[in-house]
C-alpha atoms as a PDB file:
ATOM      1  CA  UNK A   1     272.139 169.557 -49.293  1.00  0.00           C
ATOM      2  CA  UNK A   2     271.863 167.398 -52.046  1.00  0.00           C
ATOM      3  CA  UNK A   3     268.880 167.590 -54.252  1.00  0.00           C
ATOM      4  CA  UNK A   4     267.962 163.053 -54.653  1.00  0.00           C
ATOM      5  CA  UNK A   5     264.328 163.489 -55.060  1.00  0.00           C
ATOM      6  CA  UNK A   6     264.155 164.487 -58.709  1.00  0.00           C
ATOM      7  CA  UNK A   7     262.202 163.524 -62.020  1.00  0.00           C
ATOM      8  CA  UNK A   8     261.236 159.619 -62.221  1.00  0.00           C
ATOM      9  CA  UNK A   9     262.215 158.630 -58.396  1.00  0.00           C
ATOM     10  CA  UNK A  10     260.351 156.092 -57.289  1.00  0.00           C
ATOM     11  CA  UNK A  11     258.073 157.120 -53.861  1.00  0.00           C
ATOM     12  CA  UNK A  12     255.879 155.713 -51.404  1.00  0.00           C
ATOM     13  CA  UNK A  13     253.175 158.160 -50.123  1.00  0.00           C
ATOM     14  CA  UNK A  14     253.182 158.547 -46.163  1.00  0.00           C
ATOM     15  CA  UNK A  15     249.595 160.784 -45.478  1.00  0.00           C
ATOM     16  CA  UNK A  16     246.426 161.226 -46.745  1.00  0.00           C
ATOM     17  CA  UNK A  17     244.273 159.416 -49.679  1.00  0.00           C
ATOM     18  CA  UNK A  18     246.995 157.671 -51.268  1.00  0.00           C
ATOM     19  CA  UNK A  19     249.324 156.137 -47.934  1.00  0.00           C
ATOM     20  CA  UNK A  20     251.368 153.381 -48.848  1.00  0.00           C
ATOM     21  CA  UNK A  21     251.025 153.841 -52.321  1.00  0.00           C
ATOM     22  CA  UNK A  22     253.379 153.749 -55.063  1.00  0.00           C
ATOM     23  CA  UNK A  23     254.258 156.908 -57.021  1.00  0.00           C
ATOM     24  CA  UNK A  24     256.684 158.317 -59.115  1.00  0.00           C
ATOM     25  CA  UNK A  25     257.817 161.874 -59.018  1.00  0.00           C
ATOM     26  CA  UNK A  26     256.862 163.883 -62.209  1.00  0.00           C
ATOM     27  CA  UNK A  27     258.574 167.553 -61.160  1.00  0.00           C
ATOM     28  CA  UNK A  28     259.738 168.474 -58.228  1.00  0.00           C
ATOM     29  CA  UNK A  29     259.950 172.524 -56.127  1.00  0.00           C
ATOM     30  CA  UNK A  30     262.481 172.114 -54.233  1.00  0.00           C
ATOM     31  CA  UNK A  31     261.258 175.750 -53.337  1.00  0.00           C
ATOM     32  CA  UNK A  32     258.654 175.729 -53.225  1.00  0.00           C
ATOM     33  CA  UNK A  33     256.006 177.935 -55.059  1.00  0.00           C
ATOM     34  CA  UNK A  34     253.852 181.317 -54.067  1.00  0.00           C
ATOM     35  CA  UNK A  35     250.700 179.181 -53.512  1.00  0.00           C
ATOM     36  CA  UNK A  36     252.938 176.260 -51.739  1.00  0.00           C
ATOM     37  CA  UNK A  37     255.891 178.368 -50.096  1.00  0.00           C
ATOM     38  CA  UNK A  38     257.675 174.327 -48.735  1.00  0.00           C
ATOM     39  CA  UNK A  39     259.333 171.494 -50.924  1.00  0.00           C
ATOM     40  CA  UNK A  40     257.104 169.542 -52.644  1.00  0.00           C
ATOM     41  CA  UNK A  41     256.649 167.961 -55.710  1.00  0.00           C
ATOM     42  CA  UNK A  42     254.193 166.853 -58.479  1.00  0.00           C
ATOM     43  CA  UNK A  43     253.393 162.960 -58.044  1.00  0.00           C
ATOM     44  CA  UNK A  44     251.888 160.154 -60.411  1.00  0.00           C
ATOM     45  CA  UNK A  45     250.711 156.930 -59.021  1.00  0.00           C
ATOM     46  CA  UNK A  46     248.840 153.801 -58.787  1.00  0.00           C
ATOM     47  CA  UNK A  47     246.136 154.008 -56.478  1.00  0.00           C
ATOM     48  CA  UNK A  48     244.643 150.641 -57.815  1.00  0.00           C
ATOM     49  CA  UNK A  49     247.049 147.965 -58.058  1.00  0.00           C
ATOM     50  CA  UNK A  50     246.911 145.110 -61.027  1.00  0.00           C
ATOM     51  CA  UNK A  51     245.957 141.788 -59.861  1.00  0.00           C
ATOM     52  CA  UNK A  52     248.273 138.487 -59.872  1.00  0.00           C
ATOM     53  CA  UNK A  53     248.049 136.678 -63.386  1.00  0.00           C
ATOM     54  CA  UNK A  54     248.495 133.454 -63.927  1.00  0.00           C
ATOM     55  CA  UNK A  55     248.388 131.085 -66.776  1.00  0.00           C
ATOM     56  CA  UNK A  56     245.586 129.509 -67.293  1.00  0.00           C
ATOM     57  CA  UNK A  57     243.052 132.635 -66.867  1.00  0.00           C
ATOM     58  CA  UNK A  58     242.105 133.985 -69.969  1.00  0.00           C
ATOM     59  CA  UNK A  59     243.115 136.408 -72.827  1.00  0.00           C
ATOM     60  CA  UNK A  60     240.144 138.490 -71.466  1.00  0.00           C
ATOM     61  CA  UNK A  61     240.452 137.737 -68.067  1.00  0.00           C
ATOM     62  CA  UNK A  62     243.963 138.637 -68.348  1.00  0.00           C
ATOM     63  CA  UNK A  63     243.335 142.134 -69.865  1.00  0.00           C
ATOM     64  CA  UNK A  64     241.132 143.019 -66.551  1.00  0.00           C
ATOM     65  CA  UNK A  65     243.727 141.765 -63.997  1.00  0.00           C
ATOM     66  CA  UNK A  66     246.295 143.918 -65.630  1.00  0.00           C
ATOM     67  CA  UNK A  67     244.323 147.005 -65.023  1.00  0.00           C
ATOM     68  CA  UNK A  68     245.230 150.235 -63.028  1.00  0.00           C
ATOM     69  CA  UNK A  69     244.145 152.896 -61.993  1.00  0.00           C
ATOM     70  CA  UNK A  70     246.178 156.100 -61.607  1.00  0.00           C
ATOM     71  CA  UNK A  71     246.926 159.378 -59.539  1.00  0.00           C
ATOM     72  CA  UNK A  72     248.022 162.713 -59.536  1.00  0.00           C
ATOM     73  CA  UNK A  73     248.914 164.849 -56.835  1.00  0.00           C
ATOM     74  CA  UNK A  74     250.760 167.712 -54.952  1.00  0.00           C
ATOM     75  CA  UNK A  75     252.441 166.531 -52.404  1.00  0.00           C
ATOM     76  CA  UNK A  76     254.477 167.463 -49.496  1.00  0.00           C
ATOM     77  CA  UNK A  77     258.056 166.605 -49.563  1.00  0.00           C
ATOM     78  CA  UNK A  78     257.719 165.086 -45.864  1.00  0.00           C
ATOM     79  CA  UNK A  79     254.859 163.298 -46.786  1.00  0.00           C
ATOM     80  CA  UNK A  80     256.714 160.761 -49.214  1.00  0.00           C
ATOM     81  CA  UNK A  81     259.459 158.403 -48.593  1.00  0.00           C
ATOM     82  CA  UNK A  82     261.655 157.983 -51.657  1.00  0.00           C
ATOM     83  CA  UNK A  83     262.903 154.723 -52.796  1.00  0.00           C
ATOM     84  CA  UNK A  84     266.263 152.887 -54.695  1.00  0.00           C
ATOM     85  CA  UNK A  85     264.245 152.816 -57.386  1.00  0.00           C
ATOM     86  CA  UNK A  86     263.340 155.121 -60.404  1.00  0.00           C
ATOM     87  CA  UNK A  87     260.446 154.309 -63.290  1.00  0.00           C
ATOM     88  CA  UNK A  88     261.696 155.271 -67.318  1.00  0.00           C
ATOM     89  CA  UNK A  89     258.013 156.465 -67.942  1.00  0.00           C
ATOM     90  CA  UNK A  90     257.815 159.298 -69.431  1.00  0.00           C
ATOM     91  CA  UNK A  91     254.463 161.177 -68.141  1.00  0.00           C
ATOM     92  CA  UNK A  92     256.386 165.122 -68.315  1.00  0.00           C
ATOM     93  CA  UNK A  93     253.882 166.049 -71.368  1.00  0.00           C
ATOM     94  CA  UNK A  94     251.115 164.629 -69.369  1.00  0.00           C
ATOM     95  CA  UNK A  95     250.729 165.545 -66.148  1.00  0.00           C
ATOM     96  CA  UNK A  96     251.739 169.173 -65.359  1.00  0.00           C
ATOM     97  CA  UNK A  97     250.552 171.572 -62.800  1.00  0.00           C
ATOM     98  CA  UNK A  98     248.021 173.099 -64.660  1.00  0.00           C
ATOM     99  CA  UNK A  99     246.738 169.673 -65.260  1.00  0.00           C
ATOM    100  CA  UNK A 100     245.614 169.776 -62.099  1.00  0.00           C
ATOM    101  CA  UNK A 101     243.601 173.181 -62.368  1.00  0.00           C
ATOM    102  CA  UNK A 102     239.963 171.942 -63.688  1.00  0.00           C
ATOM    103  CA  UNK A 103     238.622 168.675 -63.171  1.00  0.00           C
ATOM    104  CA  UNK A 104     238.244 167.896 -66.954  1.00  0.00           C
ATOM    105  CA  UNK A 105     241.984 168.238 -67.376  1.00  0.00           C
ATOM    106  CA  UNK A 106     243.114 166.360 -64.373  1.00  0.00           C
ATOM    107  CA  UNK A 107     240.804 163.180 -65.233  1.00  0.00           C
ATOM    108  CA  UNK A 108     242.288 163.705 -68.789  1.00  0.00           C
ATOM    109  CA  UNK A 109     245.797 163.712 -67.620  1.00  0.00           C
ATOM    110  CA  UNK A 110     244.894 160.526 -64.933  1.00  0.00           C
ATOM    111  CA  UNK A 111     243.747 158.186 -67.877  1.00  0.00           C
ATOM    112  CA  UNK A 112     246.925 158.836 -69.786  1.00  0.00           C
ATOM    113  CA  UNK A 113     249.286 158.004 -67.260  1.00  0.00           C
ATOM    114  CA  UNK A 114     246.778 155.178 -66.440  1.00  0.00           C
ATOM    115  CA  UNK A 115     247.785 154.313 -69.907  1.00  0.00           C
ATOM    116  CA  UNK A 116     251.208 154.533 -70.058  1.00  0.00           C
ATOM    117  CA  UNK A 117     251.450 152.493 -66.709  1.00  0.00           C
ATOM    118  CA  UNK A 118     249.138 149.356 -68.248  1.00  0.00           C
ATOM    119  CA  UNK A 119     251.711 149.943 -71.095  1.00  0.00           C
ATOM    120  CA  UNK A 120     255.183 149.740 -68.965  1.00  0.00           C
ATOM    121  CA  UNK A 121     253.116 146.949 -66.681  1.00  0.00           C
ATOM    122  CA  UNK A 122     252.340 144.298 -69.420  1.00  0.00           C
ATOM    123  CA  UNK A 123     256.039 144.870 -70.886  1.00  0.00           C
ATOM    124  CA  UNK A 124     257.650 143.286 -67.562  1.00  0.00           C
ATOM    125  CA  UNK A 125     260.081 145.797 -66.386  1.00  0.00           C
ATOM    126  CA  UNK A 126     259.623 147.428 -62.660  1.00  0.00           C
ATOM    127  CA  UNK A 127     257.685 145.029 -61.253  1.00  0.00           C
ATOM    128  CA  UNK A 128     258.506 146.241 -57.668  1.00  0.00           C
ATOM    129  CA  UNK A 129     256.538 149.102 -58.587  1.00  0.00           C
ATOM    130  CA  UNK A 130     253.089 147.571 -59.624  1.00  0.00           C
ATOM    131  CA  UNK A 131     253.186 145.022 -56.853  1.00  0.00           C
ATOM    132  CA  UNK A 132     251.106 145.806 -53.368  1.00  0.00           C
ATOM    133  CA  UNK A 133     253.021 147.250 -50.789  1.00  0.00           C
ATOM    134  CA  UNK A 134     252.366 145.052 -47.799  1.00  0.00           C
ATOM    135  CA  UNK A 135     252.806 146.337 -44.324  1.00  0.00           C
END
């Protein structure tokens, strides 16, 4: 079988708390691990999308509307839908499996992910990834 769920692939989560949210694969585990014996991947995504910015907004309001909230999660392959898009944000050094072990590490990793995603949003690239999924 062809391995198409590779890192930097944009996906949509289908189940759970973040259903309908977009994420990006950071690392994939095709053969599973000892504690998760099924194909899964480490996903970093957006739990709260940025709002629409208009020209007449002040700089303060624009900064507030440009905020995103990020999440990090291990997700079963059955619960994600891959898209044709890729996102070239380097999250490998920030988001790791051992960052999920303790709450403090997970929070710091999520904050760093948030900063990198906001930076990417401000450049204006990957517009589809930062738009809310309407369904």
